[in-house]
Amino acid sequence: MSITELAIFLAIGAIAGWLAGTLMKGGGFGILGNIIVGIIGALVGGFVFGLLGITAGGIIGAIITSTVGAVILLALIRVIKKA
């Protein structure tokens, strides 16, 4: 993985984490927290979209997939915290 690919990967993670925090009314988690939530969200979103047979290409598709996964992740965390 080149430096450019790594920078894009981290930027997509940060954007997805920020969007998920905004959509879930979480307020945000700081830049490092957003990146972590976005990266884990990318894994979750990729798994869920794969199960549904949906493929999203390009940077916009990666942001959408990561954001959906991050929203699912944050929703699961909220449910676990309430229990």
N, C-alpha and C. Protein backbone atom coordinates (compact mmCIF):
# COMPACT_ATOMS: atom_id res chain seq x y z
N MET A 1 0.86 -1.17 0.00
CA MET A 1 0.00 0.00 0.00
C MET A 1 0.91 1.23 0.00
N SER A 2 0.65 2.10 -0.96
CA SER A 2 1.47 3.32 -1.06
C SER A 2 0.97 4.38 -0.07
N ILE A 3 1.74 5.42 0.07
CA ILE A 3 1.35 6.52 0.96
C ILE A 3 0.05 7.16 0.49
N THR A 4 -0.12 7.30 -0.82
CA THR A 4 -1.35 7.90 -1.36
C THR A 4 -2.56 7.04 -1.04
N GLU A 5 -2.44 5.73 -1.22
CA GLU A 5 -3.54 4.83 -0.90
C GLU A 5 -3.88 4.87 0.59
N LEU A 6 -2.87 4.91 1.41
CA LEU A 6 -3.08 5.00 2.86
C LEU A 6 -3.78 6.29 3.23
N ALA A 7 -3.38 7.40 2.63
CA ALA A 7 -4.01 8.69 2.91
C ALA A 7 -5.48 8.68 2.49
N ILE A 8 -5.78 8.10 1.34
CA ILE A 8 -7.17 8.01 0.88
C ILE A 8 -7.97 7.12 1.81
N PHE A 9 -7.40 6.00 2.22
CA PHE A 9 -8.05 5.08 3.14
C PHE A 9 -8.40 5.77 4.45
N LEU A 10 -7.46 6.50 5.01
CA LEU A 10 -7.69 7.21 6.27
C LEU A 10 -8.69 8.35 6.10
N ALA A 11 -8.64 9.04 4.97
CA ALA A 11 -9.59 10.13 4.71
C ALA A 11 -11.01 9.59 4.59
N ILE A 12 -11.18 8.48 3.89
CA ILE A 12 -12.50 7.88 3.76
C ILE A 12 -13.00 7.44 5.14
N GLY A 13 -12.13 6.85 5.95
CA GLY A 13 -12.50 6.46 7.31
C GLY A 13 -12.93 7.65 8.15
N ALA A 14 -12.19 8.75 8.05
CA ALA A 14 -12.53 9.95 8.82
C ALA A 14 -13.87 10.53 8.38
N ILE A 15 -14.09 10.60 7.07
CA ILE A 15 -15.35 11.14 6.55
C ILE A 15 -16.52 10.25 6.97
N ALA A 16 -16.37 8.94 6.81
CA ALA A 16 -17.44 8.02 7.17
C ALA A 16 -17.73 8.06 8.67
N GLY A 17 -16.70 8.11 9.49
CA GLY A 17 -16.91 8.19 10.94
C GLY A 17 -17.61 9.48 11.34
N TRP A 18 -17.21 10.59 10.72
CA TRP A 18 -17.85 11.87 11.01
C TRP A 18 -19.31 11.86 10.58
N LEU A 19 -19.58 11.35 9.37
CA LEU A 19 -20.96 11.28 8.88
C LEU A 19 -21.83 10.40 9.78
N ALA A 20 -21.29 9.26 10.18
CA ALA A 20 -22.04 8.36 11.05
C ALA A 20 -22.32 9.02 12.40
N GLY A 21 -21.34 9.70 12.97
CA GLY A 21 -21.55 10.41 14.23
C GLY A 21 -22.60 11.49 14.11
N THR A 22 -22.60 12.18 12.97
CA THR A 22 -23.59 13.23 12.72
C THR A 22 -24.98 12.63 12.55
N LEU A 23 -25.08 11.56 11.77
CA LEU A 23 -26.37 10.92 11.53
C LEU A 23 -26.95 10.29 12.79
N MET A 24 -26.09 9.76 13.63
CA MET A 24 -26.55 9.11 14.85
C MET A 24 -26.62 10.08 16.04
N LYS A 25 -26.45 11.34 15.79
CA LYS A 25 -26.50 12.38 16.82
C LYS A 25 -25.48 12.13 17.93
N GLY A 26 -24.33 11.56 17.54
CA GLY A 26 -23.28 11.28 18.52
C GLY A 26 -22.34 12.45 18.69
N GLY A 27 -22.37 13.39 17.76
CA GLY A 27 -21.57 14.58 17.88
C GLY A 27 -20.19 14.48 17.29
N GLY A 28 -19.63 13.32 17.18
CA GLY A 28 -18.28 13.17 16.64
C GLY A 28 -17.36 12.61 17.70
N PHE A 29 -16.25 12.08 17.26
CA PHE A 29 -15.36 11.37 18.16
C PHE A 29 -13.94 11.87 18.06
N GLY A 30 -13.73 13.00 17.44
CA GLY A 30 -12.38 13.47 17.19
C GLY A 30 -11.84 12.79 15.94
N ILE A 31 -10.76 13.26 15.41
CA ILE A 31 -10.26 12.76 14.14
C ILE A 31 -9.85 11.29 14.24
N LEU A 32 -9.15 10.90 15.30
CA LEU A 32 -8.73 9.51 15.44
C LEU A 32 -9.93 8.59 15.67
N GLY A 33 -10.85 9.01 16.49
CA GLY A 33 -12.06 8.22 16.74
C GLY A 33 -12.89 8.06 15.48
N ASN A 34 -13.01 9.13 14.70
CA ASN A 34 -13.76 9.05 13.44
C ASN A 34 -13.11 8.07 12.47
N ILE A 35 -11.79 8.10 12.40
CA ILE A 35 -11.08 7.19 11.51
C ILE A 35 -11.31 5.74 11.94
N ILE A 36 -11.22 5.48 13.23
CA ILE A 36 -11.42 4.12 13.73
C ILE A 36 -12.84 3.65 13.48
N VAL A 37 -13.83 4.50 13.78
CA VAL A 37 -15.23 4.14 13.54
C VAL A 37 -15.46 3.93 12.04
N GLY A 38 -14.88 4.77 11.21
CA GLY A 38 -15.04 4.64 9.76
C GLY A 38 -14.40 3.37 9.21
N ILE A 39 -13.22 3.01 9.71
CA ILE A 39 -12.54 1.80 9.23
C ILE A 39 -13.31 0.55 9.66
N ILE A 40 -13.73 0.50 10.90
CA ILE A 40 -14.53 -0.64 11.35
C ILE A 40 -15.87 -0.66 10.61
N GLY A 41 -16.42 0.53 10.39
CA GLY A 41 -17.66 0.64 9.62
C GLY A 41 -17.50 0.14 8.19
N ALA A 42 -16.33 0.35 7.61
CA ALA A 42 -16.07 -0.16 6.25
C ALA A 42 -16.12 -1.68 6.24
N LEU A 43 -15.56 -2.30 7.27
CA LEU A 43 -15.61 -3.76 7.36
C LEU A 43 -17.05 -4.25 7.52
N VAL A 44 -17.80 -3.62 8.42
CA VAL A 44 -19.19 -4.00 8.66
C VAL A 44 -20.03 -3.75 7.40
N GLY A 45 -19.87 -2.57 6.82
CA GLY A 45 -20.64 -2.23 5.61
C GLY A 45 -20.31 -3.14 4.44
N GLY A 46 -19.04 -3.46 4.27
CA GLY A 46 -18.65 -4.38 3.20
C GLY A 46 -19.25 -5.76 3.39
N PHE A 47 -19.29 -6.22 4.64
CA PHE A 47 -19.90 -7.52 4.94
C PHE A 47 -21.39 -7.50 4.65
N VAL A 48 -22.10 -6.46 5.14
CA VAL A 48 -23.55 -6.37 4.96
C VAL A 48 -23.89 -6.20 3.48
N PHE A 49 -23.19 -5.31 2.79
CA PHE A 49 -23.46 -5.11 1.37
C PHE A 49 -23.15 -6.38 0.58
N GLY A 50 -22.12 -7.12 0.98
CA GLY A 50 -21.78 -8.38 0.33
C GLY A 50 -22.89 -9.41 0.49
N LEU A 51 -23.48 -9.47 1.69
CA LEU A 51 -24.59 -10.39 1.92
C LEU A 51 -25.79 -10.04 1.05
N LEU A 52 -25.99 -8.75 0.83
CA LEU A 52 -27.12 -8.29 0.02
C LEU A 52 -26.83 -8.32 -1.48
N GLY A 53 -25.58 -8.60 -1.84
CA GLY A 53 -25.21 -8.64 -3.25
C GLY A 53 -25.02 -7.27 -3.88
N ILE A 54 -24.80 -6.26 -3.06
CA ILE A 54 -24.63 -4.89 -3.54
C ILE A 54 -23.14 -4.59 -3.67
N THR A 55 -22.75 -4.04 -4.80
CA THR A 55 -21.36 -3.61 -4.96
C THR A 55 -21.35 -2.11 -5.21
N ALA A 56 -20.49 -1.43 -4.51
CA ALA A 56 -20.36 0.02 -4.66
C ALA A 56 -18.92 0.32 -5.02
N GLY A 57 -18.71 0.94 -6.16
CA GLY A 57 -17.36 1.21 -6.61
C GLY A 57 -16.98 2.67 -6.46
N GLY A 58 -15.72 2.95 -6.50
CA GLY A 58 -15.23 4.31 -6.44
C GLY A 58 -15.17 4.86 -5.03
N ILE A 59 -14.72 6.09 -4.95
CA ILE A 59 -14.57 6.73 -3.64
C ILE A 59 -15.92 7.00 -3.00
N ILE A 60 -16.89 7.47 -3.79
CA ILE A 60 -18.23 7.75 -3.24
C ILE A 60 -18.86 6.46 -2.72
N GLY A 61 -18.71 5.37 -3.46
CA GLY A 61 -19.24 4.08 -3.02
C GLY A 61 -18.58 3.62 -1.73
N ALA A 62 -17.27 3.85 -1.62
CA ALA A 62 -16.55 3.48 -0.40
C ALA A 62 -17.03 4.31 0.79
N ILE A 63 -17.27 5.60 0.57
CA ILE A 63 -17.77 6.45 1.65
C ILE A 63 -19.16 6.01 2.08
N ILE A 64 -20.03 5.70 1.12
CA ILE A 64 -21.39 5.26 1.44
C ILE A 64 -21.35 3.94 2.20
N THR A 65 -20.57 2.98 1.70
CA THR A 65 -20.47 1.69 2.36
C THR A 65 -19.93 1.84 3.78
N SER A 66 -18.88 2.63 3.94
CA SER A 66 -18.28 2.84 5.26
C SER A 66 -19.24 3.54 6.20
N THR A 67 -19.97 4.52 5.69
CA THR A 67 -20.91 5.26 6.53
C THR A 67 -22.05 4.37 7.00
N VAL A 68 -22.60 3.58 6.09
CA VAL A 68 -23.68 2.67 6.48
C VAL A 68 -23.19 1.68 7.53
N GLY A 69 -22.00 1.14 7.31
CA GLY A 69 -21.43 0.22 8.29
C GLY A 69 -21.17 0.87 9.63
N ALA A 70 -20.69 2.11 9.61
CA ALA A 70 -20.42 2.84 10.85
C ALA A 70 -21.71 3.15 11.60
N VAL A 71 -22.77 3.47 10.87
CA VAL A 71 -24.08 3.72 11.51
C VAL A 71 -24.57 2.44 12.18
N ILE A 72 -24.43 1.31 11.47
CA ILE A 72 -24.81 0.02 12.07
C ILE A 72 -23.98 -0.25 13.32
N LEU A 73 -22.69 0.00 13.23
CA LEU A 73 -21.80 -0.20 14.37
C LEU A 73 -22.21 0.66 15.56
N LEU A 74 -22.46 1.94 15.34
CA LEU A 74 -22.85 2.83 16.43
C LEU A 74 -24.20 2.45 17.01
N ALA A 75 -25.13 1.99 16.16
CA ALA A 75 -26.43 1.54 16.66
C ALA A 75 -26.27 0.31 17.55
N LEU A 76 -25.41 -0.62 17.14
CA LEU A 76 -25.16 -1.81 17.97
C LEU A 76 -24.52 -1.44 19.30
N ILE A 77 -23.59 -0.50 19.26
CA ILE A 77 -22.94 -0.06 20.50
C ILE A 77 -23.96 0.56 21.45
N ARG A 78 -24.88 1.36 20.92
CA ARG A 78 -25.92 1.97 21.76
C ARG A 78 -26.80 0.92 22.39
N VAL A 79 -27.18 -0.11 21.62
CA VAL A 79 -28.03 -1.17 22.15
C VAL A 79 -27.31 -1.93 23.25
N ILE A 80 -26.03 -2.22 23.04
CA ILE A 80 -25.25 -2.94 24.05
C ILE A 80 -25.07 -2.09 25.31
N LYS A 81 -24.85 -0.78 25.16
CA LYS A 81 -24.68 0.09 26.32
C LYS A 81 -25.95 0.16 27.16
N LYS A 82 -27.13 0.16 26.49
CA LYS A 82 -28.39 0.23 27.22
C LYS A 82 -28.70 -1.06 27.97
N ALA A 83 -28.18 -2.16 27.47
CA ALA A 83 -28.49 -3.49 28.09
C ALA A 83 -27.72 -3.69 29.36
